[in-house]
C-alpha atoms as a PDB file:
ATOM      1  CA  MET A   1     -19.695   7.552  14.845  1.00  0.00           C
ATOM      2  CA  THR A   2     -16.692   6.318  13.036  1.00  0.00           C
ATOM      3  CA  THR A   3     -16.399   2.774  13.068  1.00  0.00           C
ATOM      4  CA  ARG A   4     -13.645   0.879  14.791  1.00  0.00           C
ATOM      5  CA  VAL A   5     -11.769  -2.837  13.699  1.00  0.00           C
ATOM      6  CA  ALA A   6     -13.155  -3.206  17.311  1.00  0.00           C
ATOM      7  CA  ASP A   7     -16.400  -3.242  15.938  1.00  0.00           C
ATOM      8  CA  LYS A   8     -16.022  -5.271  12.901  1.00  0.00           C
ATOM      9  CA  ALA A   9     -14.281  -8.236  14.334  1.00  0.00           C
ATOM     10  CA  ALA A  10     -15.684 -11.554  13.540  1.00  0.00           C
ATOM     11  CA  THR A  11     -16.932 -14.017  16.234  1.00  0.00           C
ATOM     12  CA  LEU A  12     -14.862 -17.334  15.618  1.00  0.00           C
ATOM     13  CA  THR A  13     -15.567 -20.407  17.713  1.00  0.00           C
ATOM     14  CA  ASP A  14     -12.414 -22.322  19.216  1.00  0.00           C
ATOM     15  CA  GLN A  15     -12.005 -24.928  16.432  1.00  0.00           C
ATOM     16  CA  ASP A  16     -12.228 -21.668  13.803  1.00  0.00           C
ATOM     17  CA  VAL A  17      -9.121 -20.658  15.872  1.00  0.00           C
ATOM     18  CA  ALA A  18      -7.720 -23.949  16.694  1.00  0.00           C
ATOM     19  CA  ARG A  19      -7.665 -24.357  12.956  1.00  0.00           C
ATOM     20  CA  ILE A  20      -6.903 -20.928  11.598  1.00  0.00           C
ATOM     21  CA  ARG A  21      -3.582 -21.365  14.527  1.00  0.00           C
ATOM     22  CA  GLU A  22      -2.419 -25.167  12.207  1.00  0.00           C
ATOM     23  CA  ASP A  23      -1.682 -22.875   8.844  1.00  0.00           C
ATOM     24  CA  PHE A  24       0.947 -20.996  10.670  1.00  0.00           C
ATOM     25  CA  PRO A  25       4.010 -22.895  12.355  1.00  0.00           C
ATOM     26  CA  ILE A  26       5.436 -20.603  14.240  1.00  0.00           C
ATOM     27  CA  LEU A  27       1.710 -20.371  16.542  1.00  0.00           C
ATOM     28  CA  GLY A  28       3.573 -23.556  17.187  1.00  0.00           C
ATOM     29  CA  VAL A  29       6.495 -22.296  18.775  1.00  0.00           C
ATOM     30  CA  THR A  30       6.236 -22.561  23.510  1.00  0.00           C
ATOM     31  CA  THR A  31       7.168 -19.378  24.641  1.00  0.00           C
ATOM     32  CA  SER A  32       9.883 -19.594  26.728  1.00  0.00           C
ATOM     33  CA  SER A  33       7.329 -19.413  30.358  1.00  0.00           C
ATOM     34  CA  GLY A  34       5.801 -23.124  28.831  1.00  0.00           C
ATOM     35  CA  HIS A  35       2.408 -21.703  27.135  1.00  0.00           C
ATOM     36  CA  PRO A  36       2.233 -21.848  23.491  1.00  0.00           C
ATOM     37  CA  LEU A  37       2.794 -18.986  21.517  1.00  0.00           C
ATOM     38  CA  ASN A  38      -0.406 -16.334  21.401  1.00  0.00           C
ATOM     39  CA  TYR A  39       0.512 -13.658  18.798  1.00  0.00           C
ATOM     40  CA  LEU A  40      -0.796  -9.800  19.097  1.00  0.00           C
ATOM     41  CA  ASP A  41       1.219  -7.331  17.119  1.00  0.00           C
ATOM     42  CA  ASN A  42      -0.416  -7.588  13.765  1.00  0.00           C
ATOM     43  CA  ALA A  43      -0.789  -4.115  13.637  1.00  0.00           C
ATOM     44  CA  ALA A  44       3.634  -3.969  13.189  1.00  0.00           C
ATOM     45  CA  THR A  45       3.656  -7.182  11.059  1.00  0.00           C
ATOM     46  CA  SER A  46       1.737  -9.768  10.924  1.00  0.00           C
ATOM     47  CA  GLN A  47       2.744 -13.813  10.797  1.00  0.00           C
ATOM     48  CA  LYS A  48       2.807 -15.811   7.888  1.00  0.00           C
ATOM     49  CA  PRO A  49       1.055 -19.020   6.694  1.00  0.00           C
ATOM     50  CA  GLN A  50       2.422 -22.485   5.034  1.00  0.00           C
ATOM     51  CA  GLN A  51       1.184 -20.949   2.148  1.00  0.00           C
ATOM     52  CA  VAL A  52       3.007 -18.293   1.935  1.00  0.00           C
ATOM     53  CA  ILE A  53       6.030 -19.950   3.482  1.00  0.00           C
ATOM     54  CA  ASP A  54       5.712 -22.704   0.519  1.00  0.00           C
ATOM     55  CA  ALA A  55       5.608 -19.699  -2.215  1.00  0.00           C
ATOM     56  CA  THR A  56       8.003 -18.147  -2.136  1.00  0.00           C
ATOM     57  CA  SER A  57      10.090 -20.793  -0.861  1.00  0.00           C
ATOM     58  CA  GLU A  58       8.755 -22.221  -4.455  1.00  0.00           C
ATOM     59  CA  TYR A  59       9.858 -19.451  -6.213  1.00  0.00           C
ATOM     60  CA  TYR A  60      14.075 -20.457  -5.356  1.00  0.00           C
ATOM     61  CA  SER A  61      13.301 -23.537  -5.609  1.00  0.00           C
ATOM     62  CA  GLY A  62      11.548 -23.755  -9.365  1.00  0.00           C
ATOM     63  CA  LYS A  63      11.363 -19.949 -10.739  1.00  0.00           C
ATOM     64  CA  ASN A  64      14.560 -18.099  -9.583  1.00  0.00           C
ATOM     65  CA  ALA A  65      14.943 -16.239 -12.584  1.00  0.00           C
ATOM     66  CA  ASN A  66      14.734 -12.159 -13.500  1.00  0.00           C
ATOM     67  CA  VAL A  67      11.123 -11.235 -15.119  1.00  0.00           C
ATOM     68  CA  HIS A  68      10.943  -8.755 -17.943  1.00  0.00           C
ATOM     69  CA  ARG A  69      14.067  -9.506 -19.500  1.00  0.00           C
ATOM     70  CA  GLY A  70      14.639 -12.431 -20.038  1.00  0.00           C
ATOM     71  CA  VAL A  71      13.366 -15.325 -22.628  1.00  0.00           C
ATOM     72  CA  HIS A  72      14.092 -18.881 -21.152  1.00  0.00           C
ATOM     73  CA  HIS A  73      11.969 -20.875 -19.057  1.00  0.00           C
ATOM     74  CA  LEU A  74      12.909 -19.986 -15.573  1.00  0.00           C
ATOM     75  CA  SER A  75      12.392 -16.550 -17.066  1.00  0.00           C
ATOM     76  CA  GLU A  76       8.390 -17.099 -18.084  1.00  0.00           C
ATOM     77  CA  LEU A  77       7.670 -19.078 -14.679  1.00  0.00           C
ATOM     78  CA  ALA A  78       9.106 -15.945 -13.209  1.00  0.00           C
ATOM     79  CA  THR A  79       7.778 -13.091 -14.687  1.00  0.00           C
ATOM     80  CA  LYS A  80       3.836 -15.253 -15.150  1.00  0.00           C
ATOM     81  CA  ALA A  81       4.338 -15.560 -11.419  1.00  0.00           C
ATOM     82  CA  TYR A  82       5.523 -12.108 -10.837  1.00  0.00           C
ATOM     83  CA  GLU A  83       2.671 -10.536 -12.977  1.00  0.00           C
ATOM     84  CA  ASP A  84      -0.100 -12.946 -12.115  1.00  0.00           C
ATOM     85  CA  SER A  85       0.503 -11.077  -8.238  1.00  0.00           C
ATOM     86  CA  ARG A  86      -0.153  -7.705  -9.905  1.00  0.00           C
ATOM     87  CA  LEU A  87      -3.623  -9.048 -11.132  1.00  0.00           C
ATOM     88  CA  LYS A  88      -4.927 -10.474  -7.581  1.00  0.00           C
ATOM     89  CA  ALA A  89      -3.872  -7.170  -6.240  1.00  0.00           C
ATOM     90  CA  GLN A  90      -5.918  -5.307  -8.947  1.00  0.00           C
ATOM     91  CA  HIS A  91      -9.038  -7.908  -8.461  1.00  0.00           C
ATOM     92  CA  HIS A  92      -8.116  -7.224  -4.651  1.00  0.00           C
ATOM     93  CA  ILE A  93      -8.839  -3.849  -4.306  1.00  0.00           C
ATOM     94  CA  ASN A  94     -10.791  -3.352  -7.697  1.00  0.00           C
ATOM     95  CA  ALA A  95      -8.446  -1.342 -10.097  1.00  0.00           C
ATOM     96  CA  PRO A  96      -9.770  -0.762 -13.338  1.00  0.00           C
ATOM     97  CA  LEU A  97      -6.782  -1.403 -14.888  1.00  0.00           C
ATOM     98  CA  GLY A  98      -3.777  -3.946 -13.396  1.00  0.00           C
ATOM     99  CA  CYS A  99      -1.120  -1.359 -14.840  1.00  0.00           C
ATOM    100  CA  GLU A 100      -2.400   0.373 -12.394  1.00  0.00           C
ATOM    101  CA  ILE A 101      -0.471  -1.083 -10.149  1.00  0.00           C
ATOM    102  CA  ILE A 102       2.609  -0.608  -9.174  1.00  0.00           C
ATOM    103  CA  PHE A 103       4.825  -3.118  -6.626  1.00  0.00           C
ATOM    104  CA  THR A 104       7.330  -1.583  -3.658  1.00  0.00           C
ATOM    105  CA  LYS A 105       8.617  -2.428  -1.069  1.00  0.00           C
ATOM    106  CA  GLY A 106       5.662  -1.152   1.078  1.00  0.00           C
ATOM    107  CA  THR A 107       3.252   1.317   2.564  1.00  0.00           C
ATOM    108  CA  THR A 108       6.214   3.889   2.902  1.00  0.00           C
ATOM    109  CA  GLU A 109       8.265   4.150  -0.167  1.00  0.00           C
ATOM    110  CA  ALA A 110       4.647   3.915  -2.066  1.00  0.00           C
ATOM    111  CA  ILE A 111       3.275   7.524  -0.091  1.00  0.00           C
ATOM    112  CA  ASN A 112       7.455   8.520  -1.221  1.00  0.00           C
ATOM    113  CA  LEU A 113       7.473   7.758  -4.634  1.00  0.00           C
ATOM    114  CA  VAL A 114       4.052  10.090  -4.220  1.00  0.00           C
ATOM    115  CA  SER A 115       5.401  12.536  -2.057  1.00  0.00           C
ATOM    116  CA  HIS A 116       8.212  12.566  -4.545  1.00  0.00           C
ATOM    117  CA  SER A 117       7.181  11.894  -8.057  1.00  0.00           C
ATOM    118  CA  TYR A 118       4.099  14.206  -8.213  1.00  0.00           C
ATOM    119  CA  ALA A 119       3.870  15.884  -5.551  1.00  0.00           C
ATOM    120  CA  ARG A 120       7.375  17.890  -5.814  1.00  0.00           C
ATOM    121  CA  ALA A 121       6.295  18.498  -9.947  1.00  0.00           C
ATOM    122  CA  LYS A 122       3.201  19.610  -9.183  1.00  0.00           C
ATOM    123  CA  LEU A 123       3.362  21.735  -6.321  1.00  0.00           C
ATOM    124  CA  LYS A 124       4.494  25.131  -5.662  1.00  0.00           C
ATOM    125  CA  ALA A 125       4.423  28.019  -3.120  1.00  0.00           C
ATOM    126  CA  GLY A 126       1.264  29.159  -1.605  1.00  0.00           C
ATOM    127  CA  ASP A 127       0.088  25.748  -2.671  1.00  0.00           C
ATOM    128  CA  GLU A 128      -1.308  22.699   0.791  1.00  0.00           C
ATOM    129  CA  ILE A 129      -1.202  19.181   1.819  1.00  0.00           C
ATOM    130  CA  LEU A 130      -3.525  18.546   4.445  1.00  0.00           C
ATOM    131  CA  ILE A 131      -3.039  14.890   6.507  1.00  0.00           C
ATOM    132  CA  SER A 132      -4.364  13.978   9.586  1.00  0.00           C
ATOM    133  CA  ALA A 133      -3.553  14.640  13.472  1.00  0.00           C
ATOM    134  CA  MET A 134      -3.681  10.150  13.936  1.00  0.00           C
ATOM    135  CA  GLU A 135      -0.958   9.585  10.350  1.00  0.00           C
ATOM    136  CA  HIS A 136       1.634   7.640  10.662  1.00  0.00           C
ATOM    137  CA  HIS A 137       4.748   8.502  10.306  1.00  0.00           C
ATOM    138  CA  SER A 138       5.299   7.373   7.815  1.00  0.00           C
ATOM    139  CA  ASN A 139       2.586   9.754   6.249  1.00  0.00           C
ATOM    140  CA  ILE A 140       3.701  12.860   7.175  1.00  0.00           C
ATOM    141  CA  VAL A 141       7.536  13.160   7.116  1.00  0.00           C
ATOM    142  CA  PRO A 142       7.479  12.643   2.768  1.00  0.00           C
ATOM    143  CA  TRP A 143       4.818  15.271   3.321  1.00  0.00           C
ATOM    144  CA  GLN A 144       7.103  17.504   5.107  1.00  0.00           C
ATOM    145  CA  LEU A 145      10.371  16.857   2.295  1.00  0.00           C
ATOM    146  CA  ALA A 146       7.820  17.342  -0.077  1.00  0.00           C
ATOM    147  CA  CYS A 147       7.026  21.254   0.961  1.00  0.00           C
ATOM    148  CA  GLU A 148      10.578  21.858   2.323  1.00  0.00           C
ATOM    149  CA  ALA A 149      11.088  21.639  -1.620  1.00  0.00           C
ATOM    150  CA  THR A 150       8.570  22.992  -2.718  1.00  0.00           C
ATOM    151  CA  GLY A 151       7.415  25.666  -0.511  1.00  0.00           C
ATOM    152  CA  ALA A 152       4.264  24.861  -0.396  1.00  0.00           C
ATOM    153  CA  SER A 153       2.967  24.299   3.042  1.00  0.00           C
ATOM    154  CA  LEU A 154       1.389  20.980   5.554  1.00  0.00           C
ATOM    155  CA  LYS A 155      -1.886  21.226   6.697  1.00  0.00           C
ATOM    156  CA  VAL A 156      -3.147  19.100   9.435  1.00  0.00           C
ATOM    157  CA  ALA A 157      -6.529  18.098  10.873  1.00  0.00           C
ATOM    158  CA  PRO A 158      -6.982  17.647  14.032  1.00  0.00           C
ATOM    159  CA  ILE A 159      -8.876  14.673  16.029  1.00  0.00           C
ATOM    160  CA  ASP A 160     -10.759  14.285  19.163  1.00  0.00           C
ATOM    161  CA  ASP A 161     -10.791  12.997  22.078  1.00  0.00           C
ATOM    162  CA  ARG A 162     -11.675   9.697  21.183  1.00  0.00           C
ATOM    163  CA  GLY A 163      -9.965   9.426  18.162  1.00  0.00           C
ATOM    164  CA  ASP A 164     -12.283  10.527  14.770  1.00  0.00           C
ATOM    165  CA  ILE A 165     -11.258  13.420  12.716  1.00  0.00           C
ATOM    166  CA  ILE A 166     -13.440  16.408  13.494  1.00  0.00           C
ATOM    167  CA  LEU A 167     -14.890  16.556  10.040  1.00  0.00           C
ATOM    168  CA  GLU A 168     -16.308  20.334  10.298  1.00  0.00           C
ATOM    169  CA  GLU A 169     -12.819  21.270  11.118  1.00  0.00           C
ATOM    170  CA  TYR A 170     -11.550  19.016   8.127  1.00  0.00           C
ATOM    171  CA  GLU A 171     -14.042  20.872   5.902  1.00  0.00           C
ATOM    172  CA  ALA A 172     -12.396  23.959   6.669  1.00  0.00           C
ATOM    173  CA  LEU A 173      -9.189  22.945   6.191  1.00  0.00           C
ATOM    174  CA  LEU A 174      -9.983  22.546   2.580  1.00  0.00           C
ATOM    175  CA  SER A 175      -9.672  25.251   0.175  1.00  0.00           C
ATOM    176  CA  GLU A 176      -8.540  26.074  -3.527  1.00  0.00           C
ATOM    177  CA  LYS A 177      -5.000  26.496  -1.742  1.00  0.00           C
ATOM    178  CA  THR A 178      -5.168  22.283  -1.339  1.00  0.00           C
ATOM    179  CA  LYS A 179      -4.017  20.324  -3.628  1.00  0.00           C
ATOM    180  CA  ILE A 180      -3.173  16.990  -2.425  1.00  0.00           C
ATOM    181  CA  VAL A 181      -5.048  15.136   0.688  1.00  0.00           C
ATOM    182  CA  SER A 182      -3.123  12.507   2.675  1.00  0.00           C
ATOM    183  CA  LEU A 183      -5.049  10.048   5.299  1.00  0.00           C
ATOM    184  CA  ILE A 184      -4.821   6.927   6.969  1.00  0.00           C
ATOM    185  CA  TYR A 185      -7.655   4.378   6.732  1.00  0.00           C
ATOM    186  CA  VAL A 186      -7.358   2.698   9.318  1.00  0.00           C
ATOM    187  CA  SER A 187      -5.321   3.907  12.150  1.00  0.00           C
ATOM    188  CA  ASN A 188      -2.878   1.867  13.382  1.00  0.00           C
ATOM    189  CA  ALA A 189      -2.553   3.461  17.346  1.00  0.00           C
ATOM    190  CA  LEU A 190      -6.610   4.335  17.926  1.00  0.00           C
ATOM    191  CA  GLY A 191      -8.417   1.050  15.913  1.00  0.00           C
ATOM    192  CA  THR A 192     -10.083   3.864  13.987  1.00  0.00           C
ATOM    193  CA  ILE A 193     -11.596   3.377  10.794  1.00  0.00           C
ATOM    194  CA  ASN A 194     -11.518   6.375   8.996  1.00  0.00           C
ATOM    195  CA  PRO A 195     -14.608   8.012   6.838  1.00  0.00           C
ATOM    196  CA  VAL A 196     -12.523   8.089   4.022  1.00  0.00           C
ATOM    197  CA  LYS A 197     -15.091   8.001   0.791  1.00  0.00           C
ATOM    198  CA  ASP A 198     -16.732  11.035   2.795  1.00  0.00           C
ATOM    199  CA  LEU A 199     -13.672  12.997   3.119  1.00  0.00           C
ATOM    200  CA  ILE A 200     -12.578  11.583  -0.074  1.00  0.00           C
ATOM    201  CA  SER A 201     -15.885  13.949  -1.645  1.00  0.00           C
ATOM    202  CA  MET A 202     -14.731  16.818   0.566  1.00  0.00           C
ATOM    203  CA  ALA A 203     -11.797  16.970  -0.761  1.00  0.00           C
ATOM    204  CA  HIS A 204     -12.647  16.529  -4.872  1.00  0.00           C
ATOM    205  CA  LYS A 205     -15.152  18.894  -4.316  1.00  0.00           C
ATOM    206  CA  HIS A 206     -11.185  21.468  -3.743  1.00  0.00           C
ATOM    207  CA  GLY A 207      -9.426  19.872  -6.587  1.00  0.00           C
ATOM    208  CA  ALA A 208      -7.419  18.490  -4.592  1.00  0.00           C
ATOM    209  CA  VAL A 209      -6.344  14.278  -5.194  1.00  0.00           C
ATOM    210  CA  VAL A 210      -6.117  12.040  -2.977  1.00  0.00           C
ATOM    211  CA  LEU A 211      -3.600   9.539  -1.113  1.00  0.00           C
ATOM    212  CA  LEU A 212      -4.987   6.807   1.200  1.00  0.00           C
ATOM    213  CA  ASP A 213      -2.756   4.669   3.454  1.00  0.00           C
ATOM    214  CA  SER A 214      -4.129   1.231   3.655  1.00  0.00           C
ATOM    215  CA  ALA A 215      -1.533  -0.045   6.043  1.00  0.00           C
ATOM    216  CA  GLN A 216      -3.594  -0.973   8.472  1.00  0.00           C
ATOM    217  CA  ALA A 217      -7.214  -1.352   6.554  1.00  0.00           C
ATOM    218  CA  MET A 218      -6.498  -3.704   3.905  1.00  0.00           C
ATOM    219  CA  PRO A 219      -5.996  -6.793   6.898  1.00  0.00           C
ATOM    220  CA  HIS A 220      -9.524  -5.539   8.279  1.00  0.00           C
ATOM    221  CA  CYS A 221     -11.859  -3.902   5.137  1.00  0.00           C
ATOM    222  CA  ALA A 222     -12.856  -4.945   2.394  1.00  0.00           C
ATOM    223  CA  ILE A 223     -11.698  -1.784  -0.626  1.00  0.00           C
ATOM    224  CA  ASP A 224     -12.845  -1.056  -3.925  1.00  0.00           C
ATOM    225  CA  VAL A 225     -10.747   2.070  -5.146  1.00  0.00           C
ATOM    226  CA  LEU A 226     -13.673   2.300  -8.262  1.00  0.00           C
ATOM    227  CA  ASP A 227     -16.272   3.079  -4.886  1.00  0.00           C
ATOM    228  CA  LEU A 228     -13.765   5.112  -3.235  1.00  0.00           C
ATOM    229  CA  ASP A 229     -12.483   7.068  -5.775  1.00  0.00           C
ATOM    230  CA  CYS A 230      -9.506   7.808  -3.996  1.00  0.00           C
ATOM    231  CA  ASP A 231      -6.392   8.822  -6.809  1.00  0.00           C
ATOM    232  CA  PHE A 232      -3.743   6.975  -4.037  1.00  0.00           C
ATOM    233  CA  LEU A 233      -3.846   4.028  -2.143  1.00  0.00           C
ATOM    234  CA  ALA A 234      -0.557   2.944  -0.289  1.00  0.00           C
ATOM    235  CA  CYS A 235      -0.345  -0.646   1.223  1.00  0.00           C
ATOM    236  CA  SER A 236       2.028  -2.906   2.574  1.00  0.00           C
ATOM    237  CA  ALA A 237       2.180  -7.025   2.305  1.00  0.00           C
ATOM    238  CA  HIS A 238       3.671  -7.796   6.292  1.00  0.00           C
ATOM    239  CA  LYS A 239       0.033  -6.993   7.447  1.00  0.00           C
ATOM    240  CA  MET A 240      -1.055  -9.195   5.584  1.00  0.00           C
ATOM    241  CA  PHE A 241      -0.285 -11.998   5.886  1.00  0.00           C
ATOM    242  CA  GLY A 242       2.660 -11.490   3.031  1.00  0.00           C
ATOM    243  CA  PRO A 243       6.529 -11.388   2.949  1.00  0.00           C
ATOM    244  CA  THR A 244       7.862  -7.705   5.113  1.00  0.00           C
ATOM    245  CA  GLY A 245      10.174  -5.579   2.573  1.00  0.00           C
ATOM    246  CA  THR A 246       6.995  -5.891  -0.247  1.00  0.00           C
ATOM    247  CA  GLY A 247       3.684  -3.718  -1.048  1.00  0.00           C
ATOM    248  CA  PHE A 248       2.529  -1.955  -3.869  1.00  0.00           C
ATOM    249  CA  LEU A 249       0.899   1.991  -4.653  1.00  0.00           C
ATOM    250  CA  TYR A 250      -2.402   1.740  -6.998  1.00  0.00           C
ATOM    251  CA  GLY A 251      -2.496   5.337  -8.837  1.00  0.00           C
ATOM    252  CA  LYS A 252      -5.253   6.415 -11.471  1.00  0.00           C
ATOM    253  CA  ALA A 253      -3.491   5.447 -14.903  1.00  0.00           C
ATOM    254  CA  GLU A 254      -4.544   9.256 -15.708  1.00  0.00           C
ATOM    255  CA  ILE A 255      -1.906   9.871 -13.281  1.00  0.00           C
ATOM    256  CA  LEU A 256       0.408   7.964 -13.043  1.00  0.00           C
ATOM    257  CA  LYS A 257       1.356   8.191 -16.664  1.00  0.00           C
ATOM    258  CA  ASP A 258       1.883  11.923 -16.530  1.00  0.00           C
ATOM    259  CA  MET A 259       4.500  11.286 -13.165  1.00  0.00           C
ATOM    260  CA  PRO A 260       7.870  11.262 -13.416  1.00  0.00           C
ATOM    261  CA  PRO A 261       9.949   8.245 -12.999  1.00  0.00           C
ATOM    262  CA  PHE A 262      11.058   7.601  -8.744  1.00  0.00           C
ATOM    263  CA  LEU A 263      13.872   5.849  -9.472  1.00  0.00           C
ATOM    264  CA  GLY A 264      15.877   5.500 -12.387  1.00  0.00           C
ATOM    265  CA  GLY A 265      17.352   1.779 -14.049  1.00  0.00           C
ATOM    266  CA  GLY A 266      16.575  -1.654 -15.123  1.00  0.00           C
ATOM    267  CA  ASP A 267      13.869  -2.985 -15.899  1.00  0.00           C
ATOM    268  CA  MET A 268      11.865   1.469 -16.021  1.00  0.00           C
ATOM    269  CA  ILE A 269      14.013   2.446 -19.609  1.00  0.00           C
ATOM    270  CA  GLU A 270      12.611   1.796 -22.696  1.00  0.00           C
ATOM    271  CA  ARG A 271      15.149   2.732 -24.484  1.00  0.00           C
ATOM    272  CA  VAL A 272      18.988   4.462 -22.701  1.00  0.00           C
ATOM    273  CA  SER A 273      21.944   6.301 -24.915  1.00  0.00           C
ATOM    274  CA  PHE A 274      24.333   9.311 -23.196  1.00  0.00           C
ATOM    275  CA  GLU A 275      22.696  11.545 -24.253  1.00  0.00           C
ATOM    276  CA  LYS A 276      19.124  10.237 -23.576  1.00  0.00           C
ATOM    277  CA  SER A 277      16.990   7.890 -22.315  1.00  0.00           C
ATOM    278  CA  THR A 278      12.818   7.243 -22.658  1.00  0.00           C
ATOM    279  CA  TYR A 279      10.742   5.400 -19.950  1.00  0.00           C
ATOM    280  CA  ASN A 280       8.828   2.094 -19.950  1.00  0.00           C
ATOM    281  CA  GLY A 281       5.247   2.332 -19.445  1.00  0.00           C
ATOM    282  CA  LEU A 282       2.944   1.230 -17.062  1.00  0.00           C
ATOM    283  CA  PRO A 283       3.768   0.133 -14.506  1.00  0.00           C
ATOM    284  CA  TYR A 284       7.465  -0.685 -15.673  1.00  0.00           C
ATOM    285  CA  ARG A 285       8.623   2.788 -14.869  1.00  0.00           C
ATOM    286  CA  PHE A 286       8.005   3.070 -11.336  1.00  0.00           C
ATOM    287  CA  GLU A 287       9.296  -0.641 -10.899  1.00  0.00           C
ATOM    288  CA  ALA A 288      13.319   0.402 -11.038  1.00  0.00           C
ATOM    289  CA  GLY A 289      16.272  -2.740 -11.295  1.00  0.00           C
ATOM    290  CA  THR A 290      15.376  -6.403 -10.284  1.00  0.00           C
ATOM    291  CA  PRO A 291      12.298  -6.506  -7.828  1.00  0.00           C
ATOM    292  CA  ASN A 292      11.438  -8.366  -4.753  1.00  0.00           C
ATOM    293  CA  ILE A 293      10.492 -10.954  -6.700  1.00  0.00           C
ATOM    294  CA  ALA A 294      10.142 -13.969  -4.259  1.00  0.00           C
ATOM    295  CA  GLY A 295       7.881 -11.113  -2.099  1.00  0.00           C
ATOM    296  CA  VAL A 296       5.210 -10.509  -5.128  1.00  0.00           C
ATOM    297  CA  VAL A 297       5.166 -14.220  -5.440  1.00  0.00           C
ATOM    298  CA  GLY A 298       4.131 -14.437  -1.775  1.00  0.00           C
ATOM    299  CA  PHE A 299       1.985 -11.730  -1.823  1.00  0.00           C
ATOM    300  CA  GLY A 300      -0.242 -13.173  -3.910  1.00  0.00           C
ATOM    301  CA  ALA A 301      -0.804 -16.268  -2.370  1.00  0.00           C
ATOM    302  CA  ALA A 302      -1.325 -14.234   0.633  1.00  0.00           C
ATOM    303  CA  PHE A 303      -3.770 -11.864  -1.343  1.00  0.00           C
ATOM    304  CA  ASP A 304      -5.317 -16.132  -2.122  1.00  0.00           C
ATOM    305  CA  TYR A 305      -4.738 -16.988   1.906  1.00  0.00           C
ATOM    306  CA  MET A 306      -6.831 -13.560   2.333  1.00  0.00           C
ATOM    307  CA  ASN A 307      -9.507 -14.732   0.432  1.00  0.00           C
ATOM    308  CA  ALA A 308      -9.886 -18.425   1.455  1.00  0.00           C
ATOM    309  CA  ILE A 309     -10.631 -17.778   5.005  1.00  0.00           C
END
């Protein structure tokens, strides 16, 4: 039987709740009805603790500069803070290498990065992508676009009345034609925690690469990409106490290094000329332009907060 988020909820005392509420300034708001604000829409976005708000503000007030391309004091401070957040993300999911963490605008952009840079370069007519019937549209539309561009087909594994993937039917849909499997780890609508390790293993037996949408899983589950053996994993900061417009894609280095750039310009360039440009190494090849530096710094503070509570 598939686990659900509610089944894993920790039992908190009134003192625990009061202590945690104090970390979130917005929870001090009084509603129009005169009651303290109670916020339950974390599947859409989480509120931000003071520690994350402070880290973002401190970047702008004391470290505001571009990263990776300056040798002055502020740029060095900003670059260190930015790269420290990459290391925190790496350690949080037990990724082998820091260069396997690519900062994005969030889960949606991370999935689109794989859809454009990996799928469109690899797929051809007759190939198949497999998703499940419980996917968020951010894990549906990018694959539909990839299929339209390449002639591949999109297959959908059904779910039962409990909201669980029907494992026998999922396995039956896998074949040598299956090149990509993209699955939600935790459902935003159902709370289902999918048995992703088993699903990944089944897909790998047929040679498919697997992407996990972990937007909802990251706040609730201990994630170890080495143990799961997923090929890609996408997440958003804003659902785990971090700023909006920030997230990351994890990808195995041996796969990422063979993928063409997703966007062009800025830090993804190694050498540029009018005749030909060469591209930067990992992870910067996929981080075009000036990134959301303040958001990434705040993301690092969110990791710190999650590890502390």
